[in-house]
Each structure stands twice: as C-alpha cells, then as structure tokens.
Amino acid sequence: MNCKRCHHTNEAHVSSDESKSLMRAGKCNIPSCTCKQYLDPIQEIDEDLM
C-alpha cells in the first residue's frame, strides 16, 4: 500500500516496532521525502477484520 501523505510504498517507511504494523510505521526513507509518519489510505477498517 502507498502512504496517503507522500504516496510512497509502506516498505519505504521505517517500522517503529518489531511487529511491522502499518499503524506504527514512521518516517519515509526516501532521501528527498519529508513525510514524518506513514498515513494509511484506508479510512475505515471493516469490523469483520478486527
């Protein structure tokens, strides 16, 4: 998935913890990108998935 803020893939963002959760992904590793936090493009998560 791509970040809603900078449109780079989630793999380009630093993971904040060992679980590799997208909700805790940090800043973008692309040198020219100033995005500080991965923003999930999915606005609503289906209750069945939780």
Protein backbone atom coordinates (compact mmCIF):
# COMPACT_ATOMS: atom_id res chain seq x y z
CA MET A 1 0.00 0.00 0.00
CA ASN A 2 1.05 3.57 -0.52
CA CYS A 3 1.13 6.33 2.06
CA LYS A 4 -1.79 8.76 1.74
CA ARG A 5 0.51 11.67 2.57
CA CYS A 6 3.59 11.08 0.36
CA HIS A 7 2.36 8.23 -1.90
CA HIS A 8 5.49 6.11 -1.32
CA THR A 9 5.01 2.44 -0.52
CA ASN A 10 4.75 1.25 3.07
CA GLU A 11 8.10 -0.54 2.59
CA ALA A 12 9.77 2.88 2.23
CA HIS A 13 8.69 3.87 5.75
CA VAL A 14 10.64 2.96 8.89
CA SER A 15 8.92 0.48 11.17
CA SER A 16 8.73 1.72 14.77
CA ASP A 17 8.49 -1.71 16.36
CA GLU A 18 9.19 -5.40 15.78
CA SER A 19 5.59 -6.22 14.81
CA LYS A 20 5.83 -4.46 11.42
CA SER A 21 2.44 -2.87 11.99
CA LEU A 22 1.47 -0.31 9.37
CA MET A 23 -0.23 1.73 12.07
CA ARG A 24 3.15 2.29 13.74
CA ALA A 25 5.26 2.97 10.65
CA GLY A 26 7.36 6.08 10.94
CA LYS A 27 9.11 8.46 8.58
CA CYS A 28 9.74 7.81 4.92
CA ASN A 29 13.25 6.60 3.97
CA ILE A 30 13.22 8.22 0.51
CA PRO A 31 16.01 10.87 0.74
CA SER A 32 14.01 13.71 -0.84
CA CYS A 33 10.78 12.96 1.06
CA THR A 34 9.84 14.99 4.13
CA CYS A 35 6.97 12.71 5.26
CA LYS A 36 7.37 12.07 9.01
CA GLN A 37 4.66 9.42 9.51
CA TYR A 38 3.02 6.77 7.32
CA LEU A 39 -0.66 7.57 6.83
CA ASP A 40 -2.85 4.60 5.93
CA PRO A 41 -5.01 5.30 2.87
CA ILE A 42 -7.81 3.14 4.26
CA GLN A 43 -10.13 5.46 6.17
CA GLU A 44 -12.43 2.82 7.63
CA ILE A 45 -11.49 -0.72 8.60
CA ASP A 46 -14.17 -3.33 8.20
CA GLU A 47 -15.33 -4.53 11.61
CA ASP A 48 -15.02 -8.15 10.43
CA LEU A 49 -11.28 -7.71 10.02
CA MET A 50 -10.74 -6.51 13.58
